[in-house]
Each structure stands twice: as C-alpha cells, then as structure tokens.
Amino acid sequence: MEESIVNTKLEKLYKAIAILFISSIPMMPIYTISVHYILGFLCMLCYFINIIQRKKINKLTGFEISYTILIIYALFRVDSTLASEYEDYASYGYYMVKNMLFNFISIVCAIRLLNLMTKSVKETVNIIGKTFVIGTILVSIYTMVYEYAILHSSSRLGTYVFEGRYGSRMALTYNITISLLFITYQMLNIAENSKNKPIKEGIILISLLIVAILTGTRKLFLVPILFVIFYLALGKKITLKSATKYLVIFLVIAMIGIYAVMNIDFLYNLLGSRIDSLIMEITGEAKDASISQRSRMVDKGIGYISKNPIFGLGTDGFKFEFRDDTGVFRYSHNNFIELLADFGIIGFVLFYAWMPISIIKLFKNYKNKKENLNLFFIGTLLTLIVLDYWTVSYYRIHFLLLFALASYQSIDDFTATGKKLKEIITDIKQKIQELNEKYIKKHKSKEIKQ
C-alpha cells in the first residue's frame, strides 16, 4: 500500500516536471534559459530513473534513430576543413552539436515521461497542446506589456524580449507556429465531432493571428491555411454548404484584418508595408528587401552545396562561408539549403528520411481507425515541410517536439509497457552472434575458393 502511494506521488512529480519543461519552451524569457536547462536535465534524470525502476523501455522510433545518427554525424563534421580556415569555427560547431543534443534528448525524455504517466499518445498530445498554447499567449502578453507599454517600442514584437540567448524574435514566431497548428486542429475536431461550436478556440486563433501581425511575420498566416488544406484534402469530406460557410467567415476576418493592417499606421509599419512590398515584388514594380535577401542566401547556399554535395561543408558551415562572402554571420532561413550546405546529402537524408515513412504509417492508421490525431500529424508534417523553405528547423526544440510526437503516433503500440532491459540486451547479443556467424562463414568460403 505504502509502495503504491509512493509510486503515485512519483508519477505526479514526473508529470509536473515534464509539463513545466514543455511550458518553458514558449515561455523561456519568463522562466529564463537557466531554468529551462535545469528542467530539461530533470526530465532526463527522471526518465532514466523510471527506466531503472521499471527495467523496461519503449521501442525507438524512426525519428529518434535517424536524428541520433545525425547528431553523431554533426559531431564528426565539426572537424572539417573549415576548422583550419576559421579560428572561431570549432567553438561554434561544437556549440551547435551540444544544442542539438540537449534539445533532442530533453524533449524526447519529457514526452516519453509524460506518455508513461498518461499511457496514451492522444492524452499526451492534448496536454502538450494546451500547455504550449497557454504558454504562447502568456509570453505574448508579457512581451507586449514589456516592449510596447514599458519601452514604448514601435519595432516588431519580440525584438527585445527574445533577443540574445532566447533565439531572437523568431523564437516567438516558432511559438505561434506550433500554437496555430494545435488550435486549428482543435477547431476542426470540435466542429466535426461536437454539437458545440469552437467559439473559444476561434477567439484564441484570432488572438494568435493578431500577435502574428505584431511580429510582422508574413508566413505565419500560411500556417492555418496550409494545415486546413492538407487536413481536409487527405481525409475529410466537406459539403459545399460547410465549405461556403467557412470560406465566407475566413474572407470576412481576412478583409477586416487587411483593412486594419493597411489603414492603422502602427500596424502598417509592422506588417502592412511588408505586404505592399510583397505585392510590388510579385507585380515587378519593386524588389522586396526580405525576399531579395533570402533569394541571395539561396543562391549563395547552392554554391556552398556544390563544394561538397555529399558530406557538406561541416556543422554550421553555411554561416561561416556566408560571413566570408558578405561580412554578415547569419543562417540561411531555409532548412533545405542549411542542411545540404552543412551536412550534404547524407545529413539531408538523415533528417528527412523518416518523415515519408511516418506519413504513410499515419495515413494507414487513419484509414484503419478513423482517428483524427493521425490527420493532425500528417497535416502538421506537410505544413512544416513547406515552411522549411523559409525556416531552419533541424535543431529548433519547437519543431523537434512535433517531430517526436508524430513519430510516436505512427507506432500503434508505443504506449505498451515496453521491452524488459534483459530482453533488449539478449536481442543485441543474438544479433551480434548472427553477424559473427555470417562473417565466419563468408571468411571460410573465401579460404575454400583460394
């Protein structure tokens, strides 16, 4: 009896630590980076203690295996020709590897720990989704109060609060991206399966889009649009009446938003001017500075890729080559270019290979079980792949969170108790023995031929 009470208290503690760590991702400026790291290490410690207690471990997913290999590959690629060309290269390269390692292990341990407590991937996703959305709303309010009320700033939201170790204001846009995916899914799911209307979720969605306007990031408006297209196209039949209703609602909200952005000076300076610039770029009247800069980065990146297309320049190599050419130390704003330039085709395949496999599994799961969560992750993965043209995602903890969840959902029995550690060790020994026997047979056959 006492042992079960202790176990229950431990489970509650594990769950609380995991949720706190997840919440520290969107709310990092409030928690501070130090607290975020402490919570991450606590998640690792708790998960490994749990493994020792249970003497069991769940199977590894395709994402976990391929990303682990990518980290090892990134470690070896720090020792590249760039180390001899740039004195400060090695420190940046090893820092990137440490960043990848911490983000990956901490988020995997947090999700696995939470999943062990809930015993359901669906429940784990619900908890993480709510935690992330609430965290994003709170940090957005904090940022608006600090930057607009205290600093009286007129710059893009997040410029000051997320500066430095928090990853620049782009970290706020990653928070909004993840939250938009979760809340859009909740709206679609409630609209389909409940008599209630998703009014609360609709208000949250509009609030997030208002914050998106304040960040001045145009691609954020693509997130719910792309997700809905993929979600409906792959698995949902929608009537003409429903489609017309939602299209009218969307157009009304869009028209109100566009009118506000183009006619209110404050909003025009943040986003309206960038929309004008984009329109002029499309019509050929003038060049958009942001698009021109990113196009330049892509062109430069293609040149860097050609130097070593198989293995890449080395970890974080794009930034150093770009600094050498332009005097500006900056990432490429394009995950495809960044991966190919830094790690070549090998790194590119290691990062993306698991995705089509998981998407196929998720689609099969949806066809068999009709569970909407499978469609959520298909739509999410496809949306993030499109957004990778404008974002570098391979080491960002926000995106690793979604990748890990998607890979767990694609495995039918992931929430099972897992294999005993003794069984895993026995399996490894058997495989080593089989490989050894094959080698001996092959060696003997060569000797006979000679």
Protein backbone atom coordinates (compact mmCIF):
# COMPACT_ATOMS: atom_id res chain seq x y z
CA MET A 1 0.00 0.00 0.00
CA GLU A 2 2.78 2.43 1.01
CA GLU A 3 4.75 1.50 -2.12
CA SER A 4 1.76 2.29 -4.39
CA ILE A 5 1.30 5.68 -2.67
CA VAL A 6 4.99 6.47 -3.21
CA ASN A 7 4.71 5.43 -6.88
CA THR A 8 1.62 7.63 -7.34
CA LYS A 9 3.44 10.62 -5.84
CA LEU A 10 6.45 9.95 -8.05
CA GLU A 11 4.24 9.76 -11.15
CA LYS A 12 2.65 13.11 -10.27
CA LEU A 13 6.12 14.60 -9.77
CA TYR A 14 7.35 13.22 -13.13
CA LYS A 15 4.27 14.58 -14.88
CA ALA A 16 4.67 18.02 -13.27
CA ILE A 17 8.35 18.24 -14.26
CA ALA A 18 7.57 17.21 -17.86
CA ILE A 19 4.74 19.77 -18.17
CA LEU A 20 6.90 22.52 -16.63
CA PHE A 21 9.66 21.79 -19.12
CA ILE A 22 7.23 21.84 -22.07
CA SER A 23 5.82 25.16 -20.84
CA SER A 24 9.35 26.60 -20.55
CA ILE A 25 9.81 26.30 -24.32
CA PRO A 26 7.32 29.05 -25.30
CA MET A 27 7.85 30.95 -22.02
CA MET A 28 11.66 30.86 -21.99
CA PRO A 29 12.10 34.64 -21.42
CA ILE A 30 9.84 34.37 -18.35
CA TYR A 31 11.40 31.17 -16.97
CA THR A 32 14.96 32.20 -18.05
CA ILE A 33 17.26 29.97 -20.07
CA SER A 34 18.88 28.56 -16.89
CA VAL A 35 15.56 27.26 -15.52
CA HIS A 36 14.77 25.79 -18.96
CA TYR A 37 18.05 23.84 -18.90
CA ILE A 38 17.52 22.69 -15.31
CA LEU A 39 14.02 21.40 -16.14
CA GLY A 40 15.40 19.66 -19.25
CA PHE A 41 18.08 17.86 -17.26
CA LEU A 42 15.49 16.93 -14.62
CA CYS A 43 13.34 15.34 -17.35
CA MET A 44 16.33 13.28 -18.49
CA LEU A 45 17.13 12.22 -14.91
CA CYS A 46 13.51 11.31 -14.10
CA TYR A 47 13.10 9.31 -17.31
CA PHE A 48 16.25 7.28 -16.73
CA ILE A 49 15.29 6.66 -13.07
CA ASN A 50 11.93 5.45 -14.34
CA ILE A 51 13.64 3.04 -16.78
CA ILE A 52 15.74 1.62 -13.95
CA GLN A 53 12.66 1.24 -11.74
CA ARG A 54 10.57 -0.43 -14.44
CA LYS A 55 13.51 -2.28 -16.04
CA LYS A 56 11.70 -1.69 -19.34
CA ILE A 57 11.98 0.74 -22.24
CA ASN A 58 9.67 1.58 -25.15
CA LYS A 59 10.90 0.97 -28.68
CA LEU A 60 12.83 3.64 -30.54
CA THR A 61 11.09 5.43 -33.42
CA GLY A 62 12.47 6.15 -36.87
CA PHE A 63 12.84 9.81 -35.97
CA GLU A 64 14.81 9.03 -32.81
CA ILE A 65 17.19 6.68 -34.62
CA SER A 66 17.82 8.94 -37.63
CA TYR A 67 18.25 12.10 -35.51
CA THR A 68 20.68 10.32 -33.18
CA ILE A 69 22.79 9.38 -36.20
CA LEU A 70 22.54 12.99 -37.47
CA ILE A 71 23.92 14.30 -34.14
CA ILE A 72 26.83 11.84 -34.27
CA TYR A 73 27.46 12.83 -37.90
CA ALA A 74 27.32 16.54 -36.94
CA LEU A 75 29.91 15.90 -34.21
CA PHE A 76 32.33 14.32 -36.67
CA ARG A 77 31.71 17.07 -39.25
CA VAL A 78 32.91 19.77 -36.84
CA ASP A 79 36.41 18.52 -37.56
CA SER A 80 36.28 19.63 -41.19
CA THR A 81 38.44 21.82 -43.42
CA LEU A 82 36.59 24.87 -42.02
CA ALA A 83 38.39 24.38 -38.67
CA SER A 84 41.68 25.24 -40.33
CA GLU A 85 40.20 28.23 -42.21
CA TYR A 86 38.40 29.95 -39.32
CA GLU A 87 39.81 30.22 -35.79
CA ASP A 88 36.38 30.56 -34.15
CA TYR A 89 34.75 27.76 -36.17
CA ALA A 90 35.28 24.83 -33.77
CA SER A 91 33.65 26.58 -30.79
CA TYR A 92 30.54 27.43 -32.86
CA GLY A 93 30.41 23.95 -34.37
CA TYR A 94 30.59 22.16 -31.02
CA TYR A 95 28.05 24.58 -29.56
CA MET A 96 25.62 23.63 -32.34
CA VAL A 97 26.13 19.92 -31.61
CA LYS A 98 25.53 20.50 -27.87
CA ASN A 99 22.40 22.48 -28.74
CA MET A 100 21.09 19.68 -30.96
CA LEU A 101 21.92 17.08 -28.31
CA PHE A 102 20.22 18.87 -25.41
CA ASN A 103 17.12 19.83 -27.40
CA PHE A 104 16.70 16.30 -28.73
CA ILE A 105 17.31 14.30 -25.54
CA SER A 106 15.38 16.68 -23.27
CA ILE A 107 12.28 16.82 -25.47
CA VAL A 108 12.27 13.06 -26.09
CA CYS A 109 12.63 12.33 -22.36
CA ALA A 110 9.91 14.86 -21.46
CA ILE A 111 7.42 13.40 -23.95
CA ARG A 112 8.24 9.78 -23.05
CA LEU A 113 7.96 10.60 -19.35
CA LEU A 114 4.59 12.29 -19.83
CA ASN A 115 3.41 9.44 -22.05
CA LEU A 116 4.30 6.87 -19.38
CA MET A 117 2.10 8.76 -16.93
CA THR A 118 -0.87 9.26 -19.29
CA LYS A 119 -0.48 5.86 -21.03
CA SER A 120 -1.94 7.48 -24.15
CA VAL A 121 -0.31 9.39 -27.01
CA LYS A 122 -3.64 11.20 -27.56
CA GLU A 123 -3.77 12.42 -23.96
CA THR A 124 -0.08 13.37 -24.10
CA VAL A 125 -0.71 15.46 -27.23
CA ASN A 126 -3.72 17.15 -25.60
CA ILE A 127 -1.69 18.12 -22.53
CA ILE A 128 1.25 19.38 -24.59
CA GLY A 129 -1.03 21.28 -26.99
CA LYS A 130 -2.86 23.10 -24.18
CA THR A 131 0.39 23.81 -22.35
CA PHE A 132 2.02 25.23 -25.47
CA VAL A 133 -0.93 27.43 -26.46
CA ILE A 134 -1.33 28.83 -22.93
CA GLY A 135 2.42 29.42 -22.74
CA THR A 136 2.42 31.26 -26.07
CA ILE A 137 -0.49 33.50 -25.02
CA LEU A 138 1.17 34.34 -21.68
CA VAL A 139 4.57 35.12 -23.20
CA SER A 140 2.88 37.21 -25.92
CA ILE A 141 1.09 39.30 -23.27
CA TYR A 142 4.34 39.64 -21.31
CA THR A 143 6.20 40.73 -24.46
CA MET A 144 3.55 43.29 -25.44
CA VAL A 145 3.50 44.80 -21.95
CA TYR A 146 7.29 44.97 -21.77
CA GLU A 147 8.00 46.24 -25.28
CA TYR A 148 5.03 48.47 -26.02
CA ALA A 149 3.97 49.70 -22.55
CA ILE A 150 7.37 49.92 -20.82
CA LEU A 151 9.83 50.50 -23.67
CA HIS A 152 7.31 52.32 -25.92
CA SER A 153 8.85 50.44 -28.82
CA SER A 154 7.38 50.53 -32.32
CA SER A 155 9.51 47.65 -33.64
CA ARG A 156 8.31 44.14 -34.44
CA LEU A 157 7.05 42.24 -31.40
CA GLY A 158 9.71 40.12 -29.69
CA THR A 159 12.68 42.21 -30.83
CA TYR A 160 13.82 43.00 -27.26
CA VAL A 161 12.33 40.26 -25.05
CA PHE A 162 13.65 37.40 -27.20
CA GLU A 163 16.99 39.00 -28.01
CA GLY A 164 20.24 37.14 -27.30
CA ARG A 165 20.13 33.68 -25.75
CA TYR A 166 16.41 33.24 -26.44
CA GLY A 167 16.99 32.96 -30.19
CA SER A 168 15.86 36.42 -31.39
CA ARG A 169 12.25 37.42 -32.09
CA MET A 170 11.97 34.39 -34.42
CA ALA A 171 11.53 32.24 -31.30
CA LEU A 172 8.19 33.99 -30.75
CA THR A 173 7.14 33.17 -34.32
CA TYR A 174 8.01 29.49 -33.69
CA ASN A 175 5.80 29.56 -30.59
CA ILE A 176 2.95 31.00 -32.66
CA THR A 177 3.51 28.45 -35.44
CA ILE A 178 3.17 25.47 -33.08
CA SER A 179 0.19 27.03 -31.26
CA LEU A 180 -1.62 27.79 -34.54
CA LEU A 181 -1.27 24.14 -35.57
CA PHE A 182 -2.68 22.87 -32.26
CA ILE A 183 -5.57 25.35 -32.05
CA THR A 184 -6.57 24.97 -35.73
CA TYR A 185 -6.75 21.21 -35.22
CA GLN A 186 -8.88 21.66 -32.10
CA MET A 187 -11.30 23.89 -34.04
CA LEU A 188 -11.66 21.35 -36.85
CA ASN A 189 -12.01 18.44 -34.44
CA ILE A 190 -14.69 20.15 -32.32
CA ALA A 191 -16.60 21.34 -35.40
CA GLU A 192 -16.72 17.78 -36.71
CA ASN A 193 -17.29 15.72 -33.55
CA SER A 194 -19.19 18.00 -31.18
CA LYS A 195 -22.53 19.81 -31.15
CA ASN A 196 -20.75 22.76 -29.57
CA LYS A 197 -19.23 25.43 -31.75
CA PRO A 198 -15.48 26.07 -31.34
CA ILE A 199 -16.03 29.68 -30.19
CA LYS A 200 -13.28 29.64 -27.52
CA GLU A 201 -10.81 28.11 -29.98
CA GLY A 202 -11.83 30.67 -32.62
CA ILE A 203 -11.11 33.54 -30.22
CA ILE A 204 -7.69 32.04 -29.39
CA LEU A 205 -6.93 31.60 -33.11
CA ILE A 206 -7.80 35.24 -33.84
CA SER A 207 -5.71 36.36 -30.84
CA LEU A 208 -2.71 34.39 -32.13
CA LEU A 209 -3.14 35.94 -35.59
CA ILE A 210 -3.21 39.42 -34.01
CA VAL A 211 0.08 38.59 -32.28
CA ALA A 212 1.34 37.33 -35.65
CA ILE A 213 0.52 40.75 -37.15
CA LEU A 214 2.52 42.43 -34.40
CA THR A 215 5.55 40.24 -35.17
CA GLY A 216 5.36 41.36 -38.81
CA THR A 217 6.00 37.78 -40.00
CA ARG A 218 4.01 37.11 -43.17
CA LYS A 219 4.50 33.34 -43.35
CA LEU A 220 2.62 32.82 -40.07
CA PHE A 221 -0.65 33.39 -41.95
CA LEU A 222 0.19 30.42 -44.15
CA VAL A 223 0.24 28.04 -41.18
CA PRO A 224 -3.52 27.59 -40.56
CA ILE A 225 -4.29 27.82 -44.31
CA LEU A 226 -1.81 25.10 -45.30
CA PHE A 227 -2.80 22.91 -42.37
CA VAL A 228 -6.53 23.09 -43.18
CA ILE A 229 -5.86 22.30 -46.86
CA PHE A 230 -3.77 19.21 -46.03
CA TYR A 231 -6.13 18.10 -43.25
CA LEU A 232 -9.26 18.29 -45.39
CA ALA A 233 -7.69 17.09 -48.64
CA LEU A 234 -6.25 13.90 -47.13
CA GLY A 235 -9.09 12.60 -45.04
CA LYS A 236 -12.13 14.78 -44.64
CA LYS A 237 -15.16 15.08 -46.85
CA ILE A 238 -16.66 18.53 -46.59
CA THR A 239 -20.03 19.57 -48.01
CA LEU A 240 -20.42 22.57 -50.33
CA LYS A 241 -22.59 24.27 -47.69
CA SER A 242 -19.96 23.86 -44.96
CA ALA A 243 -17.15 24.89 -47.31
CA THR A 244 -19.04 28.04 -48.33
CA LYS A 245 -19.82 28.95 -44.70
CA TYR A 246 -16.21 28.64 -43.55
CA LEU A 247 -14.93 30.41 -46.67
CA VAL A 248 -17.22 33.39 -46.02
CA ILE A 249 -16.15 33.55 -42.35
CA PHE A 250 -12.50 33.39 -43.40
CA LEU A 251 -12.91 36.12 -46.03
CA VAL A 252 -14.73 38.45 -43.61
CA ILE A 253 -12.00 38.03 -40.96
CA ALA A 254 -9.29 38.41 -43.63
CA MET A 255 -10.85 41.60 -45.03
CA ILE A 256 -11.17 43.15 -41.55
CA GLY A 257 -7.56 42.21 -40.81
CA ILE A 258 -6.23 43.56 -44.11
CA TYR A 259 -8.17 46.81 -43.70
CA ALA A 260 -6.75 47.28 -40.18
CA VAL A 261 -3.20 46.46 -41.24
CA MET A 262 -3.26 48.78 -44.25
CA ASN A 263 -5.01 51.75 -42.57
CA ILE A 264 -3.70 51.85 -39.00
CA ASP A 265 -0.25 53.48 -39.07
CA PHE A 266 1.21 51.35 -36.27
CA LEU A 267 0.10 48.08 -37.90
CA TYR A 268 1.07 49.30 -41.36
CA ASN A 269 4.64 49.93 -40.19
CA LEU A 270 4.80 46.43 -38.71
CA LEU A 271 3.16 44.36 -41.44
CA GLY A 272 1.26 46.46 -43.99
CA SER A 273 4.42 47.88 -45.54
CA ARG A 274 5.79 44.34 -45.91
CA ILE A 275 2.57 43.25 -47.68
CA ASP A 276 2.87 46.25 -50.02
CA SER A 277 6.48 45.32 -50.66
CA LEU A 278 5.48 41.70 -51.41
CA ILE A 279 2.79 42.82 -53.87
CA MET A 280 5.27 45.10 -55.66
CA GLU A 281 7.75 42.20 -55.82
CA ILE A 282 5.10 39.97 -57.45
CA THR A 283 3.98 42.65 -59.91
CA GLY A 284 7.58 43.60 -60.72
CA GLU A 285 7.21 47.24 -59.62
CA ALA A 286 9.94 46.98 -56.98
CA LYS A 287 12.08 44.49 -55.09
CA ASP A 288 11.08 43.24 -51.64
CA ALA A 289 14.13 43.55 -49.35
CA SER A 290 13.36 40.40 -47.35
CA ILE A 291 12.68 38.25 -50.42
CA SER A 292 15.76 39.61 -52.20
CA GLN A 293 17.96 38.85 -49.20
CA ARG A 294 16.62 35.31 -48.86
CA SER A 295 16.99 34.71 -52.61
CA ARG A 296 20.58 35.84 -52.29
CA MET A 297 21.11 33.38 -49.44
CA VAL A 298 19.64 30.54 -51.50
CA ASP A 299 21.91 31.40 -54.44
CA LYS A 300 24.94 31.54 -52.14
CA GLY A 301 23.85 28.30 -50.47
CA ILE A 302 23.63 26.45 -53.78
CA GLY A 303 27.23 27.50 -54.42
CA TYR A 304 28.31 26.20 -50.99
CA ILE A 305 26.50 22.90 -51.57
CA SER A 306 28.39 22.37 -54.82
CA LYS A 307 31.70 22.49 -52.90
CA ASN A 308 30.91 19.23 -51.09
CA PRO A 309 27.47 17.89 -52.05
CA ILE A 310 27.85 14.50 -50.35
CA PHE A 311 29.29 15.39 -46.93
CA GLY A 312 28.68 19.15 -46.72
CA LEU A 313 30.95 21.96 -45.54
CA GLY A 314 30.73 20.95 -41.89
CA THR A 315 28.49 21.71 -38.92
CA ASP A 316 27.33 25.36 -39.05
CA GLY A 317 29.39 25.80 -42.21
CA PHE A 318 26.85 27.96 -44.07
CA LYS A 319 27.17 30.81 -41.55
CA PHE A 320 30.95 30.95 -41.86
CA GLU A 321 31.01 30.82 -45.65
CA PHE A 322 28.28 33.47 -45.82
CA ARG A 323 30.21 35.68 -43.39
CA ASP A 324 33.32 35.23 -45.53
CA ASP A 325 31.39 36.37 -48.63
CA THR A 326 29.22 39.14 -47.16
CA GLY A 327 30.62 40.07 -43.75
CA VAL A 328 27.31 39.01 -42.11
CA PHE A 329 27.16 35.95 -39.80
CA ARG A 330 23.68 34.58 -40.44
CA TYR A 331 21.81 31.33 -41.02
CA SER A 332 20.18 30.70 -44.40
CA HIS A 333 16.45 31.00 -43.41
CA ASN A 334 16.00 27.79 -45.45
CA ASN A 335 16.20 24.32 -43.87
CA PHE A 336 16.87 22.55 -47.18
CA ILE A 337 19.80 24.84 -48.04
CA GLU A 338 21.18 24.83 -44.48
CA LEU A 339 21.15 21.03 -44.18
CA LEU A 340 22.65 20.42 -47.62
CA ALA A 341 25.33 23.10 -47.15
CA ASP A 342 26.32 21.94 -43.65
CA PHE A 343 25.85 18.16 -43.87
CA GLY A 344 25.42 17.38 -47.57
CA ILE A 345 23.07 14.76 -48.97
CA ILE A 346 23.91 12.43 -46.06
CA GLY A 347 22.63 14.89 -43.44
CA PHE A 348 19.64 15.83 -45.58
CA VAL A 349 18.55 12.19 -45.86
CA LEU A 350 19.14 11.54 -42.15
CA PHE A 351 16.85 14.44 -41.21
CA TYR A 352 14.02 13.89 -43.70
CA ALA A 353 14.00 10.13 -44.46
CA TRP A 354 11.76 9.18 -41.53
CA MET A 355 9.04 11.69 -42.48
CA PRO A 356 7.52 9.99 -45.57
CA ILE A 357 7.61 6.65 -43.75
CA SER A 358 5.76 8.11 -40.76
CA ILE A 359 3.26 9.92 -43.00
CA ILE A 360 2.43 6.64 -44.75
CA LYS A 361 2.01 4.87 -41.38
CA LEU A 362 -0.15 7.71 -40.05
CA PHE A 363 -2.36 7.58 -43.13
CA LYS A 364 -2.78 3.79 -42.76
CA ASN A 365 -3.64 4.28 -39.08
CA TYR A 366 -6.25 6.87 -40.03
CA LYS A 367 -7.81 4.59 -42.65
CA ASN A 368 -7.99 1.74 -40.12
CA LYS A 369 -9.08 3.65 -37.01
CA LYS A 370 -10.50 6.95 -38.35
CA GLU A 371 -8.66 8.77 -35.56
CA ASN A 372 -8.26 12.46 -36.39
CA LEU A 373 -4.99 12.72 -34.49
CA ASN A 374 -3.30 10.88 -37.36
CA LEU A 375 -4.54 13.55 -39.78
CA PHE A 376 -3.29 16.25 -37.41
CA PHE A 377 0.25 14.93 -37.64
CA ILE A 378 0.11 14.36 -41.40
CA GLY A 379 -1.10 17.93 -41.89
CA THR A 380 1.49 19.21 -39.42
CA LEU A 381 4.44 17.41 -41.06
CA LEU A 382 3.42 18.53 -44.56
CA THR A 383 2.91 22.13 -43.37
CA LEU A 384 6.32 22.18 -41.67
CA ILE A 385 8.00 20.76 -44.79
CA VAL A 386 6.55 23.65 -46.84
CA LEU A 387 7.59 26.18 -44.16
CA ASP A 388 11.13 24.77 -44.20
CA TYR A 389 11.71 26.85 -47.33
CA TRP A 390 11.61 29.94 -45.05
CA THR A 391 12.73 28.42 -41.73
CA VAL A 392 15.68 26.46 -40.35
CA SER A 393 14.03 23.77 -38.22
CA TYR A 394 16.50 20.93 -37.83
CA TYR A 395 17.84 21.97 -34.40
CA ARG A 396 14.90 24.01 -33.04
CA ILE A 397 13.30 22.40 -29.98
CA HIS A 398 9.83 23.67 -31.03
CA PHE A 399 9.90 21.54 -34.17
CA LEU A 400 11.67 18.55 -32.59
CA LEU A 401 8.70 18.43 -30.20
CA LEU A 402 6.26 17.93 -33.08
CA PHE A 403 8.56 15.50 -34.93
CA ALA A 404 8.85 13.29 -31.84
CA LEU A 405 5.07 13.32 -31.20
CA ALA A 406 4.34 12.47 -34.85
CA SER A 407 6.75 9.53 -34.77
CA TYR A 408 5.14 8.18 -31.56
CA GLN A 409 1.64 8.46 -33.02
CA SER A 410 2.75 6.48 -36.09
CA ILE A 411 3.58 3.47 -33.88
CA ASP A 412 0.48 1.51 -32.91
CA ASP A 413 1.79 0.02 -29.68
CA PHE A 414 4.04 2.84 -28.48
CA THR A 415 2.13 3.14 -25.20
CA ALA A 416 2.69 -0.55 -24.44
CA THR A 417 4.80 -1.35 -21.38
CA GLY A 418 7.92 -1.82 -23.49
CA LYS A 419 10.58 -4.50 -23.57
CA LYS A 420 12.49 -5.55 -20.50
CA LEU A 421 16.09 -4.38 -20.48
CA LYS A 422 17.28 -8.01 -20.21
CA GLU A 423 15.31 -8.85 -23.36
CA ILE A 424 16.88 -5.91 -25.22
CA ILE A 425 20.39 -6.99 -24.16
CA THR A 426 19.59 -10.58 -25.23
CA ASP A 427 18.35 -9.36 -28.63
CA ILE A 428 21.54 -7.33 -29.15
CA LYS A 429 23.71 -10.33 -28.21
CA GLN A 430 21.79 -12.56 -30.64
CA LYS A 431 22.22 -10.07 -33.48
CA ILE A 432 25.96 -9.74 -32.76
CA GLN A 433 26.25 -13.54 -32.72
CA GLU A 434 24.36 -13.82 -36.03
CA LEU A 435 26.62 -11.21 -37.64
CA ASN A 436 29.69 -13.00 -36.30
CA GLU A 437 28.50 -16.34 -37.70
CA LYS A 438 27.85 -14.75 -41.11
CA TYR A 439 31.36 -13.24 -41.09
CA ILE A 440 32.96 -16.61 -40.21
CA LYS A 441 31.02 -18.39 -42.99
CA LYS A 442 31.97 -15.73 -45.50
CA HIS A 443 35.63 -15.88 -44.43
CA LYS A 444 35.68 -19.70 -44.70
CA SER A 445 34.10 -19.66 -48.15
CA LYS A 446 36.85 -17.29 -49.33
CA GLU A 447 39.54 -19.60 -47.95
CA ILE A 448 37.99 -22.62 -49.74
CA LYS A 449 37.95 -20.71 -53.05
CA GLN A 450 41.62 -19.80 -52.62
